[in-house]
Amino acid sequence: AVGYLYWDDGDTKDHIDGVYSLLKFELSSRRLTIEILHWEYFGLSKLGKVDIFGVGSNVSNVTVNGKKVDFTYQSRSATDFSLLSVNVNVNLDEEFELTWQETPQFDHNVVTT
């Protein structure tokens, strides 16, 4: 999945002169990246928290820019939603990578011969 965030002051026509910020968010294979496409509006400074819905099995490890971070993971059932919440507290004027690992869930009722 890919999404974009455009941010300017919302009042002036400074965007015509390039005074805005544009970020690209991309999520693929347990990896979220934020790429800076344009950075000229400085009113957008920090990203505090990331919530990712629809995460697969149990999350066992999360890193932000290669460093382990605390997280919460909630799953109601195999057919319901799951949510990964991470307090990232990163500056948005720097590129960003969030990754996670999942622990497979085993069906204890399966019998093999």
PDB file of N, CA and C in Angstrom:
ATOM      1  N   ALA A   1       0.841  -1.174   0.000  1.00  0.00           N
ATOM      2  CA  ALA A   1       0.000   0.000   0.000  1.00  0.00           C
ATOM      3  C   ALA A   1       0.888   1.239   0.000  1.00  0.00           C
ATOM      4  N   VAL A   2       0.439   2.244  -0.714  1.00  0.00           N
ATOM      5  CA  VAL A   2       1.177   3.502  -0.803  1.00  0.00           C
ATOM      6  C   VAL A   2       0.214   4.646  -0.540  1.00  0.00           C
ATOM      7  N   GLY A   3       0.672   5.648   0.226  1.00  0.00           N
ATOM      8  CA  GLY A   3      -0.108   6.850   0.471  1.00  0.00           C
ATOM      9  C   GLY A   3       0.809   8.052   0.572  1.00  0.00           C
ATOM     10  N   TYR A   4       0.215   9.227   0.432  1.00  0.00           N
ATOM     11  CA  TYR A   4       0.988  10.463   0.454  1.00  0.00           C
ATOM     12  C   TYR A   4       0.395  11.424   1.470  1.00  0.00           C
ATOM     13  N   LEU A   5       1.249  12.236   2.081  1.00  0.00           N
ATOM     14  CA  LEU A   5       0.815  13.301   2.980  1.00  0.00           C
ATOM     15  C   LEU A   5       1.349  14.614   2.435  1.00  0.00           C
ATOM     16  N   TYR A   6       0.427  15.520   2.080  1.00  0.00           N
ATOM     17  CA  TYR A   6       0.774  16.871   1.648  1.00  0.00           C
ATOM     18  C   TYR A   6       0.450  17.800   2.801  1.00  0.00           C
ATOM     19  N   TRP A   7       1.357  18.727   3.121  1.00  0.00           N
ATOM     20  CA  TRP A   7       1.146  19.607   4.260  1.00  0.00           C
ATOM     21  C   TRP A   7       1.664  20.998   3.927  1.00  0.00           C
ATOM     22  N   ASP A   8       0.787  22.005   4.107  1.00  0.00           N
ATOM     23  CA  ASP A   8       1.217  23.399   4.015  1.00  0.00           C
ATOM     24  C   ASP A   8       0.505  24.180   5.107  1.00  0.00           C
ATOM     25  N   ASP A   9       0.640  25.513   5.107  1.00  0.00           N
ATOM     26  CA  ASP A   9       0.047  26.281   6.204  1.00  0.00           C
ATOM     27  C   ASP A   9      -1.465  26.399   6.085  1.00  0.00           C
ATOM     28  N   GLY A  10      -2.035  26.120   4.919  1.00  0.00           N
ATOM     29  CA  GLY A  10      -3.478  26.135   4.753  1.00  0.00           C
ATOM     30  C   GLY A  10      -4.085  27.513   4.592  1.00  0.00           C
ATOM     31  N   ASP A  11      -3.280  28.569   4.678  1.00  0.00           N
ATOM     32  CA  ASP A  11      -3.819  29.928   4.619  1.00  0.00           C
ATOM     33  C   ASP A  11      -3.281  30.747   3.450  1.00  0.00           C
ATOM     34  N   THR A  12      -2.006  30.650   3.196  1.00  0.00           N
ATOM     35  CA  THR A  12      -1.382  31.499   2.185  1.00  0.00           C
ATOM     36  C   THR A  12      -1.212  30.739   0.877  1.00  0.00           C
ATOM     37  N   LYS A  13      -0.692  31.445  -0.105  1.00  0.00           N
ATOM     38  CA  LYS A  13      -0.393  30.820  -1.399  1.00  0.00           C
ATOM     39  C   LYS A  13       1.087  30.469  -1.502  1.00  0.00           C
ATOM     40  N   ASP A  14       1.737  30.262  -0.351  1.00  0.00           N
ATOM     41  CA  ASP A  14       3.161  29.921  -0.342  1.00  0.00           C
ATOM     42  C   ASP A  14       3.449  28.611  -1.073  1.00  0.00           C
ATOM     43  N   HIS A  15       2.447  27.738  -1.189  1.00  0.00           N
ATOM     44  CA  HIS A  15       2.668  26.468  -1.892  1.00  0.00           C
ATOM     45  C   HIS A  15       3.069  26.694  -3.351  1.00  0.00           C
ATOM     46  N   ILE A  16       2.643  27.815  -3.916  1.00  0.00           N
ATOM     47  CA  ILE A  16       3.025  28.147  -5.294  1.00  0.00           C
ATOM     48  C   ILE A  16       4.536  28.328  -5.392  1.00  0.00           C
ATOM     49  N   ASP A  17       5.122  28.857  -4.329  1.00  0.00           N
ATOM     50  CA  ASP A  17       6.578  29.055  -4.273  1.00  0.00           C
ATOM     51  C   ASP A  17       7.304  27.833  -3.716  1.00  0.00           C
ATOM     52  N   GLY A  18       6.596  26.724  -3.550  1.00  0.00           N
ATOM     53  CA  GLY A  18       7.234  25.489  -3.089  1.00  0.00           C
ATOM     54  C   GLY A  18       7.316  25.344  -1.586  1.00  0.00           C
ATOM     55  N   VAL A  19       6.577  26.178  -0.837  1.00  0.00           N
ATOM     56  CA  VAL A  19       6.618  26.085   0.624  1.00  0.00           C
ATOM     57  C   VAL A  19       5.530  25.104   1.083  1.00  0.00           C
ATOM     58  N   TYR A  20       5.858  23.842   0.993  1.00  0.00           N
ATOM     59  CA  TYR A  20       4.991  22.758   1.447  1.00  0.00           C
ATOM     60  C   TYR A  20       5.877  21.544   1.689  1.00  0.00           C
ATOM     61  N   SER A  21       5.302  20.532   2.310  1.00  0.00           N
ATOM     62  CA  SER A  21       6.011  19.264   2.489  1.00  0.00           C
ATOM     63  C   SER A  21       5.162  18.146   1.900  1.00  0.00           C
ATOM     64  N   LEU A  22       5.842  17.165   1.305  1.00  0.00           N
ATOM     65  CA  LEU A  22       5.167  16.020   0.705  1.00  0.00           C
ATOM     66  C   LEU A  22       5.929  14.764   1.095  1.00  0.00           C
ATOM     67  N   LEU A  23       5.224  13.848   1.767  1.00  0.00           N
ATOM     68  CA  LEU A  23       5.827  12.602   2.239  1.00  0.00           C
ATOM     69  C   LEU A  23       5.124  11.417   1.579  1.00  0.00           C
ATOM     70  N   LYS A  24       5.895  10.383   1.294  1.00  0.00           N
ATOM     71  CA  LYS A  24       5.350   9.149   0.730  1.00  0.00           C
ATOM     72  C   LYS A  24       5.441   8.052   1.781  1.00  0.00           C
ATOM     73  N   PHE A  25       4.319   7.415   2.085  1.00  0.00           N
ATOM     74  CA  PHE A  25       4.244   6.300   3.018  1.00  0.00           C
ATOM     75  C   PHE A  25       4.060   5.029   2.197  1.00  0.00           C
ATOM     76  N   GLU A  26       4.887   4.016   2.469  1.00  0.00           N
ATOM     77  CA  GLU A  26       4.763   2.753   1.743  1.00  0.00           C
ATOM     78  C   GLU A  26       4.853   1.591   2.727  1.00  0.00           C
ATOM     79  N   LEU A  27       3.880   0.681   2.637  1.00  0.00           N
ATOM     80  CA  LEU A  27       3.823  -0.485   3.514  1.00  0.00           C
ATOM     81  C   LEU A  27       3.842  -1.743   2.657  1.00  0.00           C
ATOM     82  N   SER A  28       4.842  -2.600   2.913  1.00  0.00           N
ATOM     83  CA  SER A  28       4.967  -3.840   2.159  1.00  0.00           C
ATOM     84  C   SER A  28       5.797  -4.827   2.963  1.00  0.00           C
ATOM     85  N   SER A  29       5.327  -6.059   3.053  1.00  0.00           N
ATOM     86  CA  SER A  29       6.081  -7.153   3.690  1.00  0.00           C
ATOM     87  C   SER A  29       6.621  -6.789   5.075  1.00  0.00           C
ATOM     88  N   ARG A  30       5.721  -6.387   5.964  1.00  0.00           N
ATOM     89  CA  ARG A  30       6.081  -6.061   7.354  1.00  0.00           C
ATOM     90  C   ARG A  30       7.109  -4.929   7.447  1.00  0.00           C
ATOM     91  N   ARG A  31       7.001  -3.957   6.544  1.00  0.00           N
ATOM     92  CA  ARG A  31       7.935  -2.830   6.515  1.00  0.00           C
ATOM     93  C   ARG A  31       7.188  -1.568   6.083  1.00  0.00           C
ATOM     94  N   LEU A  32       7.236  -0.532   6.935  1.00  0.00           N
ATOM     95  CA  LEU A  32       6.657   0.772   6.623  1.00  0.00           C
ATOM     96  C   LEU A  32       7.793   1.765   6.464  1.00  0.00           C
ATOM     97  N   THR A  33       7.808   2.472   5.339  1.00  0.00           N
ATOM     98  CA  THR A  33       8.821   3.504   5.127  1.00  0.00           C
ATOM     99  C   THR A  33       8.138   4.839   4.873  1.00  0.00           C
ATOM    100  N   ILE A  34       8.828   5.908   5.285  1.00  0.00           N
ATOM    101  CA  ILE A  34       8.405   7.262   4.960  1.00  0.00           C
ATOM    102  C   ILE A  34       9.547   7.899   4.187  1.00  0.00           C
ATOM    103  N   GLU A  35       9.235   8.321   2.978  1.00  0.00           N
ATOM    104  CA  GLU A  35      10.224   8.958   2.105  1.00  0.00           C
ATOM    105  C   GLU A  35       9.853  10.431   1.940  1.00  0.00           C
ATOM    106  N   ILE A  36      10.818  11.310   2.076  1.00  0.00           N
ATOM    107  CA  ILE A  36      10.586  12.739   1.910  1.00  0.00           C
ATOM    108  C   ILE A  36      10.708  13.070   0.425  1.00  0.00           C
ATOM    109  N   LEU A  37       9.606  13.508  -0.173  1.00  0.00           N
ATOM    110  CA  LEU A  37       9.622  13.890  -1.580  1.00  0.00           C
ATOM    111  C   LEU A  37       9.880  15.383  -1.741  1.00  0.00           C
ATOM    112  N   HIS A  38       9.395  16.177  -0.795  1.00  0.00           N
ATOM    113  CA  HIS A  38       9.611  17.631  -0.808  1.00  0.00           C
ATOM    114  C   HIS A  38       9.501  18.118   0.633  1.00  0.00           C
ATOM    115  N   TRP A  39      10.428  18.946   1.079  1.00  0.00           N
ATOM    116  CA  TRP A  39      10.419  19.405   2.470  1.00  0.00           C
ATOM    117  C   TRP A  39      10.771  20.883   2.534  1.00  0.00           C
ATOM    118  N   GLU A  40       9.738  21.716   2.513  1.00  0.00           N
ATOM    119  CA  GLU A  40       9.963  23.160   2.625  1.00  0.00           C
ATOM    120  C   GLU A  40       9.030  23.818   3.632  1.00  0.00           C
ATOM    121  N   TYR A  41       7.992  23.111   4.088  1.00  0.00           N
ATOM    122  CA  TYR A  41       7.121  23.667   5.124  1.00  0.00           C
ATOM    123  C   TYR A  41       7.490  23.000   6.436  1.00  0.00           C
ATOM    124  N   PHE A  42       7.925  23.815   7.379  1.00  0.00           N
ATOM    125  CA  PHE A  42       8.495  23.274   8.610  1.00  0.00           C
ATOM    126  C   PHE A  42       7.493  23.184   9.760  1.00  0.00           C
ATOM    127  N   GLY A  43       6.210  23.406   9.501  1.00  0.00           N
ATOM    128  CA  GLY A  43       5.196  23.290  10.537  1.00  0.00           C
ATOM    129  C   GLY A  43       4.874  21.848  10.890  1.00  0.00           C
ATOM    130  N   LEU A  44       5.335  20.940  10.076  1.00  0.00           N
ATOM    131  CA  LEU A  44       5.144  19.504  10.294  1.00  0.00           C
ATOM    132  C   LEU A  44       6.457  18.964  10.824  1.00  0.00           C
ATOM    133  N   SER A  45       6.489  18.561  12.102  1.00  0.00           N
ATOM    134  CA  SER A  45       7.806  18.254  12.663  1.00  0.00           C
ATOM    135  C   SER A  45       7.970  16.829  13.188  1.00  0.00           C
ATOM    136  N   LYS A  46       6.983  16.294  13.909  1.00  0.00           N
ATOM    137  CA  LYS A  46       7.159  14.985  14.551  1.00  0.00           C
ATOM    138  C   LYS A  46       5.996  14.054  14.248  1.00  0.00           C
ATOM    139  N   LEU A  47       6.337  12.789  14.204  1.00  0.00           N
ATOM    140  CA  LEU A  47       5.335  11.730  14.132  1.00  0.00           C
ATOM    141  C   LEU A  47       5.410  10.983  15.450  1.00  0.00           C
ATOM    142  N   GLY A  48       4.323  10.998  16.216  1.00  0.00           N
ATOM    143  CA  GLY A  48       4.334  10.403  17.542  1.00  0.00           C
ATOM    144  C   GLY A  48       4.010   8.923  17.568  1.00  0.00           C
ATOM    145  N   LYS A  49       2.954   8.535  16.830  1.00  0.00           N
ATOM    146  CA  LYS A  49       2.467   7.161  16.939  1.00  0.00           C
ATOM    147  C   LYS A  49       2.055   6.638  15.569  1.00  0.00           C
ATOM    148  N   VAL A  50       2.278   5.349  15.357  1.00  0.00           N
ATOM    149  CA  VAL A  50       1.836   4.673  14.137  1.00  0.00           C
ATOM    150  C   VAL A  50       0.931   3.520  14.544  1.00  0.00           C
ATOM    151  N   ASP A  51      -0.254   3.450  13.945  1.00  0.00           N
ATOM    152  CA  ASP A  51      -1.172   2.325  14.119  1.00  0.00           C
ATOM    153  C   ASP A  51      -1.304   1.617  12.780  1.00  0.00           C
ATOM    154  N   ILE A  52      -1.087   0.305  12.779  1.00  0.00           N
ATOM    155  CA  ILE A  52      -1.208  -0.489  11.558  1.00  0.00           C
ATOM    156  C   ILE A  52      -2.285  -1.542  11.793  1.00  0.00           C
ATOM    157  N   PHE A  53      -3.352  -1.480  10.998  1.00  0.00           N
ATOM    158  CA  PHE A  53      -4.456  -2.420  11.110  1.00  0.00           C
ATOM    159  C   PHE A  53      -4.244  -3.591  10.159  1.00  0.00           C
ATOM    160  N   GLY A  54      -4.727  -4.759  10.560  1.00  0.00           N
ATOM    161  CA  GLY A  54      -4.682  -5.925   9.694  1.00  0.00           C
ATOM    162  C   GLY A  54      -3.361  -6.660   9.698  1.00  0.00           C
ATOM    163  N   VAL A  55      -2.582  -6.494  10.755  1.00  0.00           N
ATOM    164  CA  VAL A  55      -1.310  -7.211  10.877  1.00  0.00           C
ATOM    165  C   VAL A  55      -1.615  -8.695  11.020  1.00  0.00           C
ATOM    166  N   GLY A  56      -0.768  -9.546  10.462  1.00  0.00           N
ATOM    167  CA  GLY A  56      -0.998 -10.994  10.454  1.00  0.00           C
ATOM    168  C   GLY A  56      -1.016 -11.638  11.823  1.00  0.00           C
ATOM    169  N   SER A  57      -0.099 -12.538  12.073  1.00  0.00           N
ATOM    170  CA  SER A  57      -0.074 -13.278  13.334  1.00  0.00           C
ATOM    171  C   SER A  57       0.619 -12.460  14.417  1.00  0.00           C
ATOM    172  N   ASN A  58       0.855 -13.073  15.561  1.00  0.00           N
ATOM    173  CA  ASN A  58       1.419 -12.362  16.709  1.00  0.00           C
ATOM    174  C   ASN A  58       2.722 -11.649  16.364  1.00  0.00           C
ATOM    175  N   VAL A  59       2.796 -10.386  16.739  1.00  0.00           N
ATOM    176  CA  VAL A  59       4.001  -9.591  16.505  1.00  0.00           C
ATOM    177  C   VAL A  59       4.972  -9.847  17.642  1.00  0.00           C
ATOM    178  N   SER A  60       6.227 -10.131  17.298  1.00  0.00           N
ATOM    179  CA  SER A  60       7.208 -10.480  18.325  1.00  0.00           C
ATOM    180  C   SER A  60       8.332  -9.464  18.467  1.00  0.00           C
ATOM    181  N   ASN A  61       8.538  -8.610  17.470  1.00  0.00           N
ATOM    182  CA  ASN A  61       9.664  -7.684  17.511  1.00  0.00           C
ATOM    183  C   ASN A  61       9.368  -6.519  16.574  1.00  0.00           C
ATOM    184  N   VAL A  62       9.633  -5.291  17.032  1.00  0.00           N
ATOM    185  CA  VAL A  62       9.429  -4.103  16.206  1.00  0.00           C
ATOM    186  C   VAL A  62      10.673  -3.241  16.288  1.00  0.00           C
ATOM    187  N   THR A  63      11.109  -2.719  15.139  1.00  0.00           N
ATOM    188  CA  THR A  63      12.238  -1.787  15.116  1.00  0.00           C
ATOM    189  C   THR A  63      11.837  -0.522  14.369  1.00  0.00           C
ATOM    190  N   VAL A  64      12.416   0.591  14.808  1.00  0.00           N
ATOM    191  CA  VAL A  64      12.285   1.873  14.118  1.00  0.00           C
ATOM    192  C   VAL A  64      13.689   2.342  13.798  1.00  0.00           C
ATOM    193  N   ASN A  65      13.959   2.496  12.527  1.00  0.00           N
ATOM    194  CA  ASN A  65      15.298   2.871  12.054  1.00  0.00           C
ATOM    195  C   ASN A  65      16.371   1.954  12.632  1.00  0.00           C
ATOM    196  N   GLY A  66      16.036   0.644  12.702  1.00  0.00           N
ATOM    197  CA  GLY A  66      16.994  -0.364  13.140  1.00  0.00           C
ATOM    198  C   GLY A  66      17.108  -0.563  14.639  1.00  0.00           C
ATOM    199  N   LYS A  67      16.370   0.215  15.446  1.00  0.00           N
ATOM    200  CA  LYS A  67      16.440   0.079  16.906  1.00  0.00           C
ATOM    201  C   LYS A  67      15.140  -0.513  17.438  1.00  0.00           C
ATOM    202  N   LYS A  68      15.266  -1.484  18.357  1.00  0.00           N
ATOM    203  CA  LYS A  68      14.084  -2.090  18.968  1.00  0.00           C
ATOM    204  C   LYS A  68      13.289  -1.035  19.731  1.00  0.00           C
ATOM    205  N   VAL A  69      11.961  -1.120  19.617  1.00  0.00           N
ATOM    206  CA  VAL A  69      11.073  -0.192  20.311  1.00  0.00           C
ATOM    207  C   VAL A  69       9.938  -0.974  20.962  1.00  0.00           C
ATOM    208  N   ASP A  70       9.292  -0.341  21.946  1.00  0.00           N
ATOM    209  CA  ASP A  70       8.124  -0.928  22.592  1.00  0.00           C
ATOM    210  C   ASP A  70       6.915  -0.801  21.663  1.00  0.00           C
ATOM    211  N   PHE A  71       5.996  -1.742  21.786  1.00  0.00           N
ATOM    212  CA  PHE A  71       4.807  -1.751  20.939  1.00  0.00           C
ATOM    213  C   PHE A  71       3.685  -2.470  21.666  1.00  0.00           C
ATOM    214  N   THR A  72       2.473  -2.296  21.170  1.00  0.00           N
ATOM    215  CA  THR A  72       1.340  -3.096  21.627  1.00  0.00           C
ATOM    216  C   THR A  72       0.725  -3.770  20.408  1.00  0.00           C
ATOM    217  N   TYR A  73       0.242  -4.974  20.628  1.00  0.00           N
ATOM    218  CA  TYR A  73      -0.396  -5.751  19.566  1.00  0.00           C
ATOM    219  C   TYR A  73      -1.700  -6.300  20.116  1.00  0.00           C
ATOM    220  N   GLN A  74      -2.787  -6.106  19.363  1.00  0.00           N
ATOM    221  CA  GLN A  74      -4.093  -6.604  19.779  1.00  0.00           C
ATOM    222  C   GLN A  74      -4.703  -7.405  18.637  1.00  0.00           C
ATOM    223  N   SER A  75      -5.263  -8.558  18.980  1.00  0.00           N
ATOM    224  CA  SER A  75      -5.981  -9.357  17.995  1.00  0.00           C
ATOM    225  C   SER A  75      -7.178  -9.975  18.683  1.00  0.00           C
ATOM    226  N   ARG A  76      -8.350  -9.772  18.126  1.00  0.00           N
ATOM    227  CA  ARG A  76      -9.562 -10.320  18.744  1.00  0.00           C
ATOM    228  C   ARG A  76      -9.787 -11.771  18.355  1.00  0.00           C
ATOM    229  N   SER A  77      -9.596 -12.096  17.094  1.00  0.00           N
ATOM    230  CA  SER A  77      -9.741 -13.477  16.622  1.00  0.00           C
ATOM    231  C   SER A  77      -9.135 -13.565  15.229  1.00  0.00           C
ATOM    232  N   ALA A  78      -9.081 -14.756  14.704  1.00  0.00           N
ATOM    233  CA  ALA A  78      -8.492 -14.949  13.371  1.00  0.00           C
ATOM    234  C   ALA A  78      -9.303 -14.250  12.285  1.00  0.00           C
ATOM    235  N   THR A  79     -10.597 -14.035  12.517  1.00  0.00           N
ATOM    236  CA  THR A  79     -11.438 -13.405  11.498  1.00  0.00           C
ATOM    237  C   THR A  79     -11.698 -11.934  11.773  1.00  0.00           C
ATOM    238  N   ASP A  80     -11.231 -11.422  12.888  1.00  0.00           N
ATOM    239  CA  ASP A  80     -11.462 -10.030  13.262  1.00  0.00           C
ATOM    240  C   ASP A  80     -10.188  -9.229  13.016  1.00  0.00           C
ATOM    241  N   PHE A  81     -10.224  -7.951  13.352  1.00  0.00           N
ATOM    242  CA  PHE A  81      -9.077  -7.089  13.087  1.00  0.00           C
ATOM    243  C   PHE A  81      -7.930  -7.344  14.056  1.00  0.00           C
ATOM    244  N   SER A  82      -6.750  -6.962  13.627  1.00  0.00           N
ATOM    245  CA  SER A  82      -5.589  -6.935  14.508  1.00  0.00           C
ATOM    246  C   SER A  82      -4.965  -5.559  14.377  1.00  0.00           C
ATOM    247  N   LEU A  83      -4.305  -5.113  15.424  1.00  0.00           N
ATOM    248  CA  LEU A  83      -3.771  -3.757  15.472  1.00  0.00           C
ATOM    249  C   LEU A  83      -2.392  -3.770  16.097  1.00  0.00           C
ATOM    250  N   LEU A  84      -1.446  -3.168  15.403  1.00  0.00           N
ATOM    251  CA  LEU A  84      -0.096  -2.947  15.916  1.00  0.00           C
ATOM    252  C   LEU A  84       0.042  -1.456  16.164  1.00  0.00           C
ATOM    253  N   SER A  85       0.359  -1.069  17.408  1.00  0.00           N
ATOM    254  CA  SER A  85       0.550   0.340  17.772  1.00  0.00           C
ATOM    255  C   SER A  85       1.977   0.538  18.240  1.00  0.00           C
ATOM    256  N   VAL A  86       2.633   1.552  17.669  1.00  0.00           N
ATOM    257  CA  VAL A  86       4.033   1.821  17.987  1.00  0.00           C
ATOM    258  C   VAL A  86       4.200   3.310  18.241  1.00  0.00           C
ATOM    259  N   ASN A  87       4.729   3.669  19.418  1.00  0.00           N
ATOM    260  CA  ASN A  87       5.110   5.055  19.680  1.00  0.00           C
ATOM    261  C   ASN A  87       6.485   5.272  19.071  1.00  0.00           C
ATOM    262  N   VAL A  88       6.532   6.031  17.974  1.00  0.00           N
ATOM    263  CA  VAL A  88       7.782   6.168  17.232  1.00  0.00           C
ATOM    264  C   VAL A  88       8.546   7.442  17.580  1.00  0.00           C
ATOM    265  N   ASN A  89       7.844   8.542  17.804  1.00  0.00           N
ATOM    266  CA  ASN A  89       8.463   9.828  18.155  1.00  0.00           C
ATOM    267  C   ASN A  89       9.681  10.142  17.300  1.00  0.00           C
ATOM    268  N   VAL A  90       9.464  10.241  15.989  1.00  0.00           N
ATOM    269  CA  VAL A  90      10.551  10.545  15.060  1.00  0.00           C
ATOM    270  C   VAL A  90      10.315  11.906  14.408  1.00  0.00           C
ATOM    271  N   ASN A  91      11.405  12.541  14.024  1.00  0.00           N
ATOM    272  CA  ASN A  91      11.320  13.784  13.268  1.00  0.00           C
ATOM    273  C   ASN A  91      10.942  13.452  11.834  1.00  0.00           C
ATOM    274  N   LEU A  92       9.983  14.182  11.289  1.00  0.00           N
ATOM    275  CA  LEU A  92       9.536  13.899   9.932  1.00  0.00           C
ATOM    276  C   LEU A  92      10.442  14.485   8.863  1.00  0.00           C
ATOM    277  N   ASP A  93      11.450  15.230   9.264  1.00  0.00           N
ATOM    278  CA  ASP A  93      12.390  15.743   8.262  1.00  0.00           C
ATOM    279  C   ASP A  93      13.513  14.743   7.992  1.00  0.00           C
ATOM    280  N   GLU A  94      13.370  13.534   8.541  1.00  0.00           N
ATOM    281  CA  GLU A  94      14.327  12.453   8.303  1.00  0.00           C
ATOM    282  C   GLU A  94      13.559  11.231   7.803  1.00  0.00           C
ATOM    283  N   GLU A  95      14.149  10.494   6.879  1.00  0.00           N
ATOM    284  CA  GLU A  95      13.475   9.303   6.376  1.00  0.00           C
ATOM    285  C   GLU A  95      13.385   8.260   7.484  1.00  0.00           C
ATOM    286  N   PHE A  96      12.438   7.369   7.368  1.00  0.00           N
ATOM    287  CA  PHE A  96      11.993   6.546   8.487  1.00  0.00           C
ATOM    288  C   PHE A  96      11.682   5.141   7.988  1.00  0.00           C
ATOM    289  N   GLU A  97      12.010   4.135   8.828  1.00  0.00           N
ATOM    290  CA  GLU A  97      11.655   2.751   8.510  1.00  0.00           C
ATOM    291  C   GLU A  97      11.192   2.047   9.782  1.00  0.00           C
ATOM    292  N   LEU A  98      10.018   1.444   9.718  1.00  0.00           N
ATOM    293  CA  LEU A  98       9.475   0.640  10.808  1.00  0.00           C
ATOM    294  C   LEU A  98       9.319  -0.777  10.268  1.00  0.00           C
ATOM    295  N   THR A  99       9.868  -1.753  10.989  1.00  0.00           N
ATOM    296  CA  THR A  99       9.726  -3.153  10.583  1.00  0.00           C
ATOM    297  C   THR A  99       9.236  -3.966  11.769  1.00  0.00           C
ATOM    298  N   TRP A 100       8.609  -5.090  11.474  1.00  0.00           N
ATOM    299  CA  TRP A 100       8.195  -5.992  12.545  1.00  0.00           C
ATOM    300  C   TRP A 100       8.321  -7.434  12.093  1.00  0.00           C
ATOM    301  N   GLN A 101       8.451  -8.294  13.100  1.00  0.00           N
ATOM    302  CA  GLN A 101       8.494  -9.734  12.869  1.00  0.00           C
ATOM    303  C   GLN A 101       7.263 -10.343  13.503  1.00  0.00           C
ATOM    304  N   GLU A 102       6.803 -11.423  12.904  1.00  0.00           N
ATOM    305  CA  GLU A 102       5.622 -12.115  13.406  1.00  0.00           C
ATOM    306  C   GLU A 102       5.979 -13.526  13.830  1.00  0.00           C
ATOM    307  N   THR A 103       5.334 -13.983  14.895  1.00  0.00           N
ATOM    308  CA  THR A 103       5.479 -15.354  15.359  1.00  0.00           C
ATOM    309  C   THR A 103       4.304 -16.147  14.805  1.00  0.00           C
ATOM    310  N   PRO A 104       4.547 -17.222  14.078  1.00  0.00           N
ATOM    311  CA  PRO A 104       3.429 -17.993  13.518  1.00  0.00           C
ATOM    312  C   PRO A 104       2.557 -18.593  14.614  1.00  0.00           C
ATOM    313  N   GLN A 105       1.262 -18.637  14.340  1.00  0.00           N
ATOM    314  CA  GLN A 105       0.328 -19.277  15.265  1.00  0.00           C
ATOM    315  C   GLN A 105       0.131 -20.712  14.805  1.00  0.00           C
ATOM    316  N   PHE A 106       0.153 -21.614  15.744  1.00  0.00           N
ATOM    317  CA  PHE A 106       0.002 -23.031  15.419  1.00  0.00           C
ATOM    318  C   PHE A 106      -1.375 -23.507  15.831  1.00  0.00           C
ATOM    319  N   ASP A 107      -1.949 -24.367  15.015  1.00  0.00           N
ATOM    320  CA  ASP A 107      -3.220 -24.993  15.329  1.00  0.00           C
ATOM    321  C   ASP A 107      -2.913 -26.271  16.099  1.00  0.00           C
ATOM    322  N   HIS A 108      -3.202 -26.269  17.390  1.00  0.00           N
ATOM    323  CA  HIS A 108      -2.865 -27.405  18.247  1.00  0.00           C
ATOM    324  C   HIS A 108      -3.789 -28.606  18.041  1.00  0.00           C
ATOM    325  N   ASN A 109      -4.816 -28.438  17.210  1.00  0.00           N
ATOM    326  CA  ASN A 109      -5.750 -29.532  16.963  1.00  0.00           C
ATOM    327  C   ASN A 109      -5.374 -30.357  15.735  1.00  0.00           C
ATOM    328  N   VAL A 110      -4.311 -29.989  15.057  1.00  0.00           N
ATOM    329  CA  VAL A 110      -3.899 -30.709  13.852  1.00  0.00           C
ATOM    330  C   VAL A 110      -3.103 -31.944  14.251  1.00  0.00           C
ATOM    331  N   VAL A 111      -3.464 -33.085  13.665  1.00  0.00           N
ATOM    332  CA  VAL A 111      -2.762 -34.337  13.930  1.00  0.00           C
ATOM    333  C   VAL A 111      -2.097 -34.778  12.638  1.00  0.00           C
ATOM    334  N   THR A 112      -0.809 -35.088  12.700  1.00  0.00           N
ATOM    335  CA  THR A 112      -0.099 -35.581  11.518  1.00  0.00           C
ATOM    336  C   THR A 112       0.396 -36.991  11.791  1.00  0.00           C
ATOM    337  N   THR A 113       0.529 -37.769  10.727  1.00  0.00           N
ATOM    338  CA  THR A 113       1.025 -39.141  10.893  1.00  0.00           C
ATOM    339  C   THR A 113       2.228 -39.380  10.024  1.00  0.00           C
TER     340      THR A 113
END
